[in-house]
Amino acid sequence: MPGASQPGRRPRPRKNSRDPEAQQIAYRVEITGTEALPDVVKTVITEAAEGCELSRVGQQLFVVGMFDDKAVADRVAAAIIQADPSLEIKVAEIAE
């Protein structure tokens, strides 16, 4: 689909920014509440976030991303919640 955002693409500068060096905004999905991700969650991430990395950050934090489109990150988060409602999921905005 022309103009559609693809997971893993570099974030675009924010529109409507008055700053001549517009910030790059990206999103990531943060998963907490477990020391190990269940296989079903890994499968959902692989399917819903094609081309994005899954990383472990510390003992109970996993990160999926980066996404240039918040709607895509929200869809990935919703798919993870549906697969395992016991996990704590957050979509975080990252300024580069």
PDB file of N, CA and C in Angstrom:
ATOM      1  N   MET A   1       0.848  -1.176   0.000  1.00  0.00           N
ATOM      2  CA  MET A   1       0.000   0.000   0.000  1.00  0.00           C
ATOM      3  C   MET A   1       0.891   1.236   0.000  1.00  0.00           C
ATOM      4  N   PRO A   2       0.774   2.110  -0.969  1.00  0.00           N
ATOM      5  CA  PRO A   2       1.623   3.298  -1.031  1.00  0.00           C
ATOM      6  C   PRO A   2       1.420   4.189   0.186  1.00  0.00           C
ATOM      7  N   GLY A   3       2.516   4.684   0.727  1.00  0.00           N
ATOM      8  CA  GLY A   3       2.462   5.603   1.846  1.00  0.00           C
ATOM      9  C   GLY A   3       2.269   4.935   3.201  1.00  0.00           C
ATOM     10  N   ALA A   4       2.067   3.612   3.210  1.00  0.00           N
ATOM     11  CA  ALA A   4       1.862   2.928   4.486  1.00  0.00           C
ATOM     12  C   ALA A   4       3.193   2.813   5.212  1.00  0.00           C
ATOM     13  N   SER A   5       3.145   2.883   6.511  1.00  0.00           N
ATOM     14  CA  SER A   5       4.356   2.759   7.315  1.00  0.00           C
ATOM     15  C   SER A   5       4.748   1.304   7.410  1.00  0.00           C
ATOM     16  N   GLN A   6       6.013   1.064   7.404  1.00  0.00           N
ATOM     17  CA  GLN A   6       6.539  -0.274   7.536  1.00  0.00           C
ATOM     18  C   GLN A   6       7.292  -0.374   8.848  1.00  0.00           C
ATOM     19  N   PRO A   7       7.043  -1.432   9.645  1.00  0.00           N
ATOM     20  CA  PRO A   7       7.831  -1.593  10.863  1.00  0.00           C
ATOM     21  C   PRO A   7       9.306  -1.646  10.510  1.00  0.00           C
ATOM     22  N   GLY A   8      10.114  -1.037  11.328  1.00  0.00           N
ATOM     23  CA  GLY A   8      11.545  -1.079  11.109  1.00  0.00           C
ATOM     24  C   GLY A   8      12.097   0.063  10.272  1.00  0.00           C
ATOM     25  N   ARG A   9      11.244   0.854   9.632  1.00  0.00           N
ATOM     26  CA  ARG A   9      11.740   1.985   8.845  1.00  0.00           C
ATOM     27  C   ARG A   9      12.141   3.110   9.768  1.00  0.00           C
ATOM     28  N   ARG A  10      13.061   3.930   9.326  1.00  0.00           N
ATOM     29  CA  ARG A  10      13.505   5.081  10.121  1.00  0.00           C
ATOM     30  C   ARG A  10      12.336   6.011  10.376  1.00  0.00           C
ATOM     31  N   PRO A  11      12.231   6.526  11.568  1.00  0.00           N
ATOM     32  CA  PRO A  11      11.153   7.472  11.862  1.00  0.00           C
ATOM     33  C   PRO A  11      11.311   8.762  11.064  1.00  0.00           C
ATOM     34  N   ARG A  12      10.182   9.352  10.721  1.00  0.00           N
ATOM     35  CA  ARG A  12      10.189  10.615  10.002  1.00  0.00           C
ATOM     36  C   ARG A  12      10.132  11.757  11.001  1.00  0.00           C
ATOM     37  N   PRO A  13      10.618  12.933  10.602  1.00  0.00           N
ATOM     38  CA  PRO A  13      10.501  14.089  11.502  1.00  0.00           C
ATOM     39  C   PRO A  13       9.039  14.389  11.785  1.00  0.00           C
ATOM     40  N   ARG A  14       8.782  14.892  12.955  1.00  0.00           N
ATOM     41  CA  ARG A  14       7.417  15.285  13.303  1.00  0.00           C
ATOM     42  C   ARG A  14       6.985  16.443  12.436  1.00  0.00           C
ATOM     43  N   LYS A  15       5.790  16.356  11.903  1.00  0.00           N
ATOM     44  CA  LYS A  15       5.234  17.473  11.152  1.00  0.00           C
ATOM     45  C   LYS A  15       4.792  18.528  12.150  1.00  0.00           C
ATOM     46  N   ASN A  16       4.628  19.717  11.705  1.00  0.00           N
ATOM     47  CA  ASN A  16       4.196  20.846  12.529  1.00  0.00           C
ATOM     48  C   ASN A  16       5.252  21.271  13.538  1.00  0.00           C
ATOM     49  N   SER A  17       6.462  20.796  13.391  1.00  0.00           N
ATOM     50  CA  SER A  17       7.518  21.196  14.318  1.00  0.00           C
ATOM     51  C   SER A  17       8.042  22.557  13.904  1.00  0.00           C
ATOM     52  N   ARG A  18       8.226  23.425  14.863  1.00  0.00           N
ATOM     53  CA  ARG A  18       8.779  24.744  14.567  1.00  0.00           C
ATOM     54  C   ARG A  18      10.294  24.733  14.682  1.00  0.00           C
ATOM     55  N   ASP A  19      10.824  23.663  15.192  1.00  0.00           N
ATOM     56  CA  ASP A  19      12.266  23.500  15.355  1.00  0.00           C
ATOM     57  C   ASP A  19      12.876  23.134  14.001  1.00  0.00           C
ATOM     58  N   PRO A  20      13.863  23.917  13.535  1.00  0.00           N
ATOM     59  CA  PRO A  20      14.465  23.597  12.236  1.00  0.00           C
ATOM     60  C   PRO A  20      15.142  22.229  12.231  1.00  0.00           C
ATOM     61  N   GLU A  21      15.568  21.761  13.381  1.00  0.00           N
ATOM     62  CA  GLU A  21      16.135  20.416  13.487  1.00  0.00           C
ATOM     63  C   GLU A  21      15.080  19.526  14.138  1.00  0.00           C
ATOM     64  N   ALA A  22      14.018  19.241  13.391  1.00  0.00           N
ATOM     65  CA  ALA A  22      12.878  18.493  13.922  1.00  0.00           C
ATOM     66  C   ALA A  22      13.318  17.166  14.519  1.00  0.00           C
ATOM     67  N   GLN A  23      12.750  16.863  15.670  1.00  0.00           N
ATOM     68  CA  GLN A  23      13.073  15.614  16.353  1.00  0.00           C
ATOM     69  C   GLN A  23      12.527  14.435  15.569  1.00  0.00           C
ATOM     70  N   GLN A  24      13.285  13.357  15.601  1.00  0.00           N
ATOM     71  CA  GLN A  24      12.806  12.101  15.061  1.00  0.00           C
ATOM     72  C   GLN A  24      12.052  11.396  16.188  1.00  0.00           C
ATOM     73  N   ILE A  25      10.846  10.944  15.913  1.00  0.00           N
ATOM     74  CA  ILE A  25      10.036  10.259  16.902  1.00  0.00           C
ATOM     75  C   ILE A  25       9.852   8.814  16.455  1.00  0.00           C
ATOM     76  N   ALA A  26      10.062   7.906  17.389  1.00  0.00           N
ATOM     77  CA  ALA A  26       9.839   6.492  17.138  1.00  0.00           C
ATOM     78  C   ALA A  26       9.084   5.929  18.333  1.00  0.00           C
ATOM     79  N   TYR A  27       8.575   4.730  18.174  1.00  0.00           N
ATOM     80  CA  TYR A  27       7.811   4.076  19.231  1.00  0.00           C
ATOM     81  C   TYR A  27       8.352   2.673  19.434  1.00  0.00           C
ATOM     82  N   ARG A  28       8.198   2.176  20.662  1.00  0.00           N
ATOM     83  CA  ARG A  28       8.559   0.797  20.941  1.00  0.00           C
ATOM     84  C   ARG A  28       7.530   0.225  21.903  1.00  0.00           C
ATOM     85  N   VAL A  29       7.406  -1.089  21.893  1.00  0.00           N
ATOM     86  CA  VAL A  29       6.503  -1.773  22.798  1.00  0.00           C
ATOM     87  C   VAL A  29       7.353  -2.343  23.926  1.00  0.00           C
ATOM     88  N   GLU A  30       6.990  -2.012  25.164  1.00  0.00           N
ATOM     89  CA  GLU A  30       7.705  -2.503  26.332  1.00  0.00           C
ATOM     90  C   GLU A  30       6.844  -3.545  27.034  1.00  0.00           C
ATOM     91  N   ILE A  31       7.442  -4.676  27.368  1.00  0.00           N
ATOM     92  CA  ILE A  31       6.738  -5.791  28.000  1.00  0.00           C
ATOM     93  C   ILE A  31       7.390  -6.071  29.341  1.00  0.00           C
ATOM     94  N   THR A  32       6.604  -6.075  30.413  1.00  0.00           N
ATOM     95  CA  THR A  32       7.105  -6.416  31.746  1.00  0.00           C
ATOM     96  C   THR A  32       6.143  -7.419  32.383  1.00  0.00           C
ATOM     97  N   GLY A  33       6.559  -7.941  33.517  1.00  0.00           N
ATOM     98  CA  GLY A  33       5.698  -8.853  34.255  1.00  0.00           C
ATOM     99  C   GLY A  33       6.072 -10.309  34.114  1.00  0.00           C
ATOM    100  N   THR A  34       7.219 -10.581  33.511  1.00  0.00           N
ATOM    101  CA  THR A  34       7.664 -11.966  33.357  1.00  0.00           C
ATOM    102  C   THR A  34       9.177 -11.996  33.210  1.00  0.00           C
ATOM    103  N   GLU A  35       9.771 -13.096  33.641  1.00  0.00           N
ATOM    104  CA  GLU A  35      11.222 -13.259  33.459  1.00  0.00           C
ATOM    105  C   GLU A  35      11.545 -13.907  32.126  1.00  0.00           C
ATOM    106  N   ALA A  36      10.552 -14.566  31.515  1.00  0.00           N
ATOM    107  CA  ALA A  36      10.736 -15.199  30.207  1.00  0.00           C
ATOM    108  C   ALA A  36       9.439 -15.075  29.425  1.00  0.00           C
ATOM    109  N   LEU A  37       9.542 -14.733  28.162  1.00  0.00           N
ATOM    110  CA  LEU A  37       8.348 -14.604  27.329  1.00  0.00           C
ATOM    111  C   LEU A  37       7.867 -15.985  26.901  1.00  0.00           C
ATOM    112  N   PRO A  38       6.561 -16.235  27.029  1.00  0.00           N
ATOM    113  CA  PRO A  38       6.010 -17.499  26.541  1.00  0.00           C
ATOM    114  C   PRO A  38       6.180 -17.610  25.022  1.00  0.00           C
ATOM    115  N   ASP A  39       6.276 -18.844  24.537  1.00  0.00           N
ATOM    116  CA  ASP A  39       6.452 -19.073  23.099  1.00  0.00           C
ATOM    117  C   ASP A  39       5.327 -18.451  22.278  1.00  0.00           C
ATOM    118  N   VAL A  40       4.096 -18.484  22.789  1.00  0.00           N
ATOM    119  CA  VAL A  40       2.974 -17.910  22.048  1.00  0.00           C
ATOM    120  C   VAL A  40       3.172 -16.410  21.845  1.00  0.00           C
ATOM    121  N   VAL A  41       3.733 -15.723  22.827  1.00  0.00           N
ATOM    122  CA  VAL A  41       3.992 -14.289  22.713  1.00  0.00           C
ATOM    123  C   VAL A  41       5.107 -14.039  21.698  1.00  0.00           C
ATOM    124  N   LYS A  42       6.144 -14.850  21.723  1.00  0.00           N
ATOM    125  CA  LYS A  42       7.228 -14.706  20.739  1.00  0.00           C
ATOM    126  C   LYS A  42       6.694 -14.891  19.322  1.00  0.00           C
ATOM    127  N   THR A  43       5.802 -15.855  19.150  1.00  0.00           N
ATOM    128  CA  THR A  43       5.211 -16.095  17.831  1.00  0.00           C
ATOM    129  C   THR A  43       4.386 -14.896  17.379  1.00  0.00           C
ATOM    130  N   VAL A  44       3.571 -14.349  18.281  1.00  0.00           N
ATOM    131  CA  VAL A  44       2.758 -13.170  17.963  1.00  0.00           C
ATOM    132  C   VAL A  44       3.654 -11.997  17.569  1.00  0.00           C
ATOM    133  N   ILE A  45       4.734 -11.790  18.306  1.00  0.00           N
ATOM    134  CA  ILE A  45       5.659 -10.696  17.991  1.00  0.00           C
ATOM    135  C   ILE A  45       6.275 -10.899  16.614  1.00  0.00           C
ATOM    136  N   THR A  46       6.703 -12.115  16.330  1.00  0.00           N
ATOM    137  CA  THR A  46       7.307 -12.415  15.026  1.00  0.00           C
ATOM    138  C   THR A  46       6.337 -12.107  13.891  1.00  0.00           C
ATOM    139  N   GLU A  47       5.065 -12.446  14.082  1.00  0.00           N
ATOM    140  CA  GLU A  47       4.061 -12.233  13.037  1.00  0.00           C
ATOM    141  C   GLU A  47       3.602 -10.780  12.959  1.00  0.00           C
ATOM    142  N   ALA A  48       3.395 -10.141  14.108  1.00  0.00           N
ATOM    143  CA  ALA A  48       2.825  -8.788  14.119  1.00  0.00           C
ATOM    144  C   ALA A  48       3.864  -7.691  13.917  1.00  0.00           C
ATOM    145  N   ALA A  49       5.111  -7.973  14.272  1.00  0.00           N
ATOM    146  CA  ALA A  49       6.166  -6.950  14.190  1.00  0.00           C
ATOM    147  C   ALA A  49       7.278  -7.415  13.263  1.00  0.00           C
ATOM    148  N   GLU A  50       6.889  -7.865  12.107  1.00  0.00           N
ATOM    149  CA  GLU A  50       7.856  -8.375  11.130  1.00  0.00           C
ATOM    150  C   GLU A  50       8.946  -7.344  10.849  1.00  0.00           C
ATOM    151  N   GLY A  51      10.190  -7.785  10.960  1.00  0.00           N
ATOM    152  CA  GLY A  51      11.322  -6.906  10.679  1.00  0.00           C
ATOM    153  C   GLY A  51      11.805  -6.116  11.882  1.00  0.00           C
ATOM    154  N   CYS A  52      11.120  -6.217  13.017  1.00  0.00           N
ATOM    155  CA  CYS A  52      11.527  -5.495  14.228  1.00  0.00           C
ATOM    156  C   CYS A  52      12.244  -6.435  15.186  1.00  0.00           C
ATOM    157  N   GLU A  53      13.072  -5.849  16.013  1.00  0.00           N
ATOM    158  CA  GLU A  53      13.829  -6.636  16.977  1.00  0.00           C
ATOM    159  C   GLU A  53      13.070  -6.820  18.273  1.00  0.00           C
ATOM    160  N   LEU A  54      13.283  -7.980  18.893  1.00  0.00           N
ATOM    161  CA  LEU A  54      12.838  -8.247  20.251  1.00  0.00           C
ATOM    162  C   LEU A  54      14.094  -8.306  21.096  1.00  0.00           C
ATOM    163  N   SER A  55      14.175  -7.448  22.108  1.00  0.00           N
ATOM    164  CA  SER A  55      15.369  -7.382  22.955  1.00  0.00           C
ATOM    165  C   SER A  55      14.975  -7.516  24.411  1.00  0.00           C
ATOM    166  N   ARG A  56      15.861  -8.122  25.180  1.00  0.00           N
ATOM    167  CA  ARG A  56      15.686  -8.193  26.624  1.00  0.00           C
ATOM    168  C   ARG A  56      16.539  -7.093  27.240  1.00  0.00           C
ATOM    169  N   VAL A  57      15.921  -6.297  28.110  1.00  0.00           N
ATOM    170  CA  VAL A  57      16.620  -5.195  28.769  1.00  0.00           C
ATOM    171  C   VAL A  57      16.444  -5.412  30.267  1.00  0.00           C
ATOM    172  N   GLY A  58      17.424  -5.964  30.916  1.00  0.00           N
ATOM    173  CA  GLY A  58      17.294  -6.257  32.343  1.00  0.00           C
ATOM    174  C   GLY A  58      16.599  -7.585  32.568  1.00  0.00           C
ATOM    175  N   GLN A  59      16.159  -7.789  33.815  1.00  0.00           N
ATOM    176  CA  GLN A  59      15.584  -9.086  34.157  1.00  0.00           C
ATOM    177  C   GLN A  59      14.135  -9.248  33.748  1.00  0.00           C
ATOM    178  N   GLN A  60      13.352  -8.181  33.781  1.00  0.00           N
ATOM    179  CA  GLN A  60      11.934  -8.320  33.483  1.00  0.00           C
ATOM    180  C   GLN A  60      11.416  -7.279  32.501  1.00  0.00           C
ATOM    181  N   LEU A  61      12.263  -6.834  31.587  1.00  0.00           N
ATOM    182  CA  LEU A  61      11.829  -5.884  30.567  1.00  0.00           C
ATOM    183  C   LEU A  61      12.253  -6.386  29.196  1.00  0.00           C
ATOM    184  N   PHE A  62      11.261  -6.488  28.319  1.00  0.00           N
ATOM    185  CA  PHE A  62      11.503  -6.849  26.926  1.00  0.00           C
ATOM    186  C   PHE A  62      11.018  -5.687  26.070  1.00  0.00           C
ATOM    187  N   VAL A  63      11.721  -5.432  24.961  1.00  0.00           N
ATOM    188  CA  VAL A  63      11.395  -4.305  24.087  1.00  0.00           C
ATOM    189  C   VAL A  63      11.246  -4.822  22.660  1.00  0.00           C
ATOM    190  N   VAL A  64      10.173  -4.378  21.991  1.00  0.00           N
ATOM    191  CA  VAL A  64       9.940  -4.693  20.576  1.00  0.00           C
ATOM    192  C   VAL A  64       9.929  -3.375  19.823  1.00  0.00           C
ATOM    193  N   GLY A  65      10.709  -3.279  18.771  1.00  0.00           N
ATOM    194  CA  GLY A  65      10.678  -2.047  17.979  1.00  0.00           C
ATOM    195  C   GLY A  65      11.994  -1.855  17.263  1.00  0.00           C
ATOM    196  N   MET A  66      12.055  -0.749  16.714  1.00  0.00           N
ATOM    197  CA  MET A  66      11.379   0.526  16.749  1.00  0.00           C
ATOM    198  C   MET A  66      10.346   0.597  15.618  1.00  0.00           C
ATOM    199  N   PHE A  67       9.310   1.405  15.874  1.00  0.00           N
ATOM    200  CA  PHE A  67       8.250   1.645  14.918  1.00  0.00           C
ATOM    201  C   PHE A  67       8.199   3.138  14.624  1.00  0.00           C
ATOM    202  N   ASP A  68       7.938   3.491  13.375  1.00  0.00           N
ATOM    203  CA  ASP A  68       7.805   4.911  13.047  1.00  0.00           C
ATOM    204  C   ASP A  68       6.354   5.361  13.105  1.00  0.00           C
ATOM    205  N   ASP A  69       5.455   4.428  13.340  1.00  0.00           N
ATOM    206  CA  ASP A  69       4.027   4.719  13.358  1.00  0.00           C
ATOM    207  C   ASP A  69       3.428   4.186  14.658  1.00  0.00           C
ATOM    208  N   LYS A  70       2.843   5.064  15.456  1.00  0.00           N
ATOM    209  CA  LYS A  70       2.274   4.656  16.744  1.00  0.00           C
ATOM    210  C   LYS A  70       1.149   3.640  16.556  1.00  0.00           C
ATOM    211  N   ALA A  71       0.378   3.773  15.486  1.00  0.00           N
ATOM    212  CA  ALA A  71      -0.722   2.835  15.241  1.00  0.00           C
ATOM    213  C   ALA A  71      -0.202   1.413  15.067  1.00  0.00           C
ATOM    214  N   VAL A  72       0.932   1.257  14.421  1.00  0.00           N
ATOM    215  CA  VAL A  72       1.529  -0.072  14.246  1.00  0.00           C
ATOM    216  C   VAL A  72       1.976  -0.614  15.608  1.00  0.00           C
ATOM    217  N   ALA A  73       2.633   0.221  16.408  1.00  0.00           N
ATOM    218  CA  ALA A  73       3.061  -0.203  17.745  1.00  0.00           C
ATOM    219  C   ALA A  73       1.854  -0.577  18.602  1.00  0.00           C
ATOM    220  N   ASP A  74       0.776   0.192  18.491  1.00  0.00           N
ATOM    221  CA  ASP A  74      -0.451  -0.120  19.239  1.00  0.00           C
ATOM    222  C   ASP A  74      -1.039  -1.466  18.826  1.00  0.00           C
ATOM    223  N   ARG A  75      -1.006  -1.764  17.527  1.00  0.00           N
ATOM    224  CA  ARG A  75      -1.525  -3.058  17.051  1.00  0.00           C
ATOM    225  C   ARG A  75      -0.687  -4.214  17.574  1.00  0.00           C
ATOM    226  N   VAL A  76       0.634  -4.045  17.597  1.00  0.00           N
ATOM    227  CA  VAL A  76       1.515  -5.085  18.136  1.00  0.00           C
ATOM    228  C   VAL A  76       1.222  -5.282  19.621  1.00  0.00           C
ATOM    229  N   ALA A  77       1.087  -4.184  20.363  1.00  0.00           N
ATOM    230  CA  ALA A  77       0.785  -4.265  21.794  1.00  0.00           C
ATOM    231  C   ALA A  77      -0.536  -4.994  22.018  1.00  0.00           C
ATOM    232  N   ALA A  78      -1.562  -4.681  21.231  1.00  0.00           N
ATOM    233  CA  ALA A  78      -2.863  -5.333  21.373  1.00  0.00           C
ATOM    234  C   ALA A  78      -2.768  -6.835  21.095  1.00  0.00           C
ATOM    235  N   ALA A  79      -1.974  -7.209  20.095  1.00  0.00           N
ATOM    236  CA  ALA A  79      -1.804  -8.629  19.774  1.00  0.00           C
ATOM    237  C   ALA A  79      -1.109  -9.364  20.917  1.00  0.00           C
ATOM    238  N   ILE A  80      -0.132  -8.718  21.545  1.00  0.00           N
ATOM    239  CA  ILE A  80       0.572  -9.333  22.675  1.00  0.00           C
ATOM    240  C   ILE A  80      -0.384  -9.505  23.861  1.00  0.00           C
ATOM    241  N   ILE A  81      -1.173  -8.472  24.142  1.00  0.00           N
ATOM    242  CA  ILE A  81      -2.140  -8.543  25.251  1.00  0.00           C
ATOM    243  C   ILE A  81      -3.147  -9.666  25.008  1.00  0.00           C
ATOM    244  N   GLN A  82      -3.590  -9.804  23.780  1.00  0.00           N
ATOM    245  CA  GLN A  82      -4.542 -10.859  23.455  1.00  0.00           C
ATOM    246  C   GLN A  82      -3.907 -12.235  23.663  1.00  0.00           C
ATOM    247  N   ALA A  83      -2.632 -12.373  23.337  1.00  0.00           N
ATOM    248  CA  ALA A  83      -1.941 -13.656  23.500  1.00  0.00           C
ATOM    249  C   ALA A  83      -1.692 -13.994  24.965  1.00  0.00           C
ATOM    250  N   ASP A  84      -1.405 -12.964  25.787  1.00  0.00           N
ATOM    251  CA  ASP A  84      -1.124 -13.197  27.209  1.00  0.00           C
ATOM    252  C   ASP A  84      -1.529 -11.970  28.022  1.00  0.00           C
ATOM    253  N   PRO A  85      -2.774 -11.946  28.507  1.00  0.00           N
ATOM    254  CA  PRO A  85      -3.274 -10.779  29.239  1.00  0.00           C
ATOM    255  C   PRO A  85      -2.565 -10.521  30.574  1.00  0.00           C
ATOM    256  N   SER A  86      -1.773 -11.468  31.057  1.00  0.00           N
ATOM    257  CA  SER A  86      -1.087 -11.267  32.338  1.00  0.00           C
ATOM    258  C   SER A  86       0.131 -10.351  32.212  1.00  0.00           C
ATOM    259  N   LEU A  87       0.592 -10.112  30.993  1.00  0.00           N
ATOM    260  CA  LEU A  87       1.764  -9.259  30.791  1.00  0.00           C
ATOM    261  C   LEU A  87       1.376  -7.787  30.873  1.00  0.00           C
ATOM    262  N   GLU A  88       2.311  -6.966  31.324  1.00  0.00           N
ATOM    263  CA  GLU A  88       2.112  -5.518  31.341  1.00  0.00           C
ATOM    264  C   GLU A  88       2.745  -4.960  30.071  1.00  0.00           C
ATOM    265  N   ILE A  89       1.951  -4.257  29.282  1.00  0.00           N
ATOM    266  CA  ILE A  89       2.387  -3.757  27.977  1.00  0.00           C
ATOM    267  C   ILE A  89       2.264  -2.237  27.950  1.00  0.00           C
ATOM    268  N   LYS A  90       3.275  -1.584  27.388  1.00  0.00           N
ATOM    269  CA  LYS A  90       3.274  -0.126  27.267  1.00  0.00           C
ATOM    270  C   LYS A  90       3.872   0.238  25.911  1.00  0.00           C
ATOM    271  N   VAL A  91       3.256   1.192  25.220  1.00  0.00           N
ATOM    272  CA  VAL A  91       3.839   1.752  24.000  1.00  0.00           C
ATOM    273  C   VAL A  91       4.535   3.030  24.414  1.00  0.00           C
ATOM    274  N   ALA A  92       5.848   3.069  24.216  1.00  0.00           N
ATOM    275  CA  ALA A  92       6.655   4.217  24.637  1.00  0.00           C
ATOM    276  C   ALA A  92       7.091   5.033  23.414  1.00  0.00           C
ATOM    277  N   GLU A  93       7.064   6.361  23.557  1.00  0.00           N
ATOM    278  CA  GLU A  93       7.522   7.282  22.518  1.00  0.00           C
ATOM    279  C   GLU A  93       8.990   7.595  22.800  1.00  0.00           C
ATOM    280  N   ILE A  94       9.809   7.482  21.781  1.00  0.00           N
ATOM    281  CA  ILE A  94      11.247   7.712  21.917  1.00  0.00           C
ATOM    282  C   ILE A  94      11.639   8.861  20.980  1.00  0.00           C
ATOM    283  N   ALA A  95      12.225   9.912  21.527  1.00  0.00           N
ATOM    284  CA  ALA A  95      12.724  11.025  20.708  1.00  0.00           C
ATOM    285  C   ALA A  95      14.179  10.763  20.408  1.00  0.00           C
ATOM    286  N   GLU A  96      14.536  10.888  19.147  1.00  0.00           N
ATOM    287  CA  GLU A  96      15.934  10.663  18.750  1.00  0.00           C
ATOM    288  C   GLU A  96      16.595  11.979  18.443  1.00  0.00           C
TER     289      GLU A  96
END
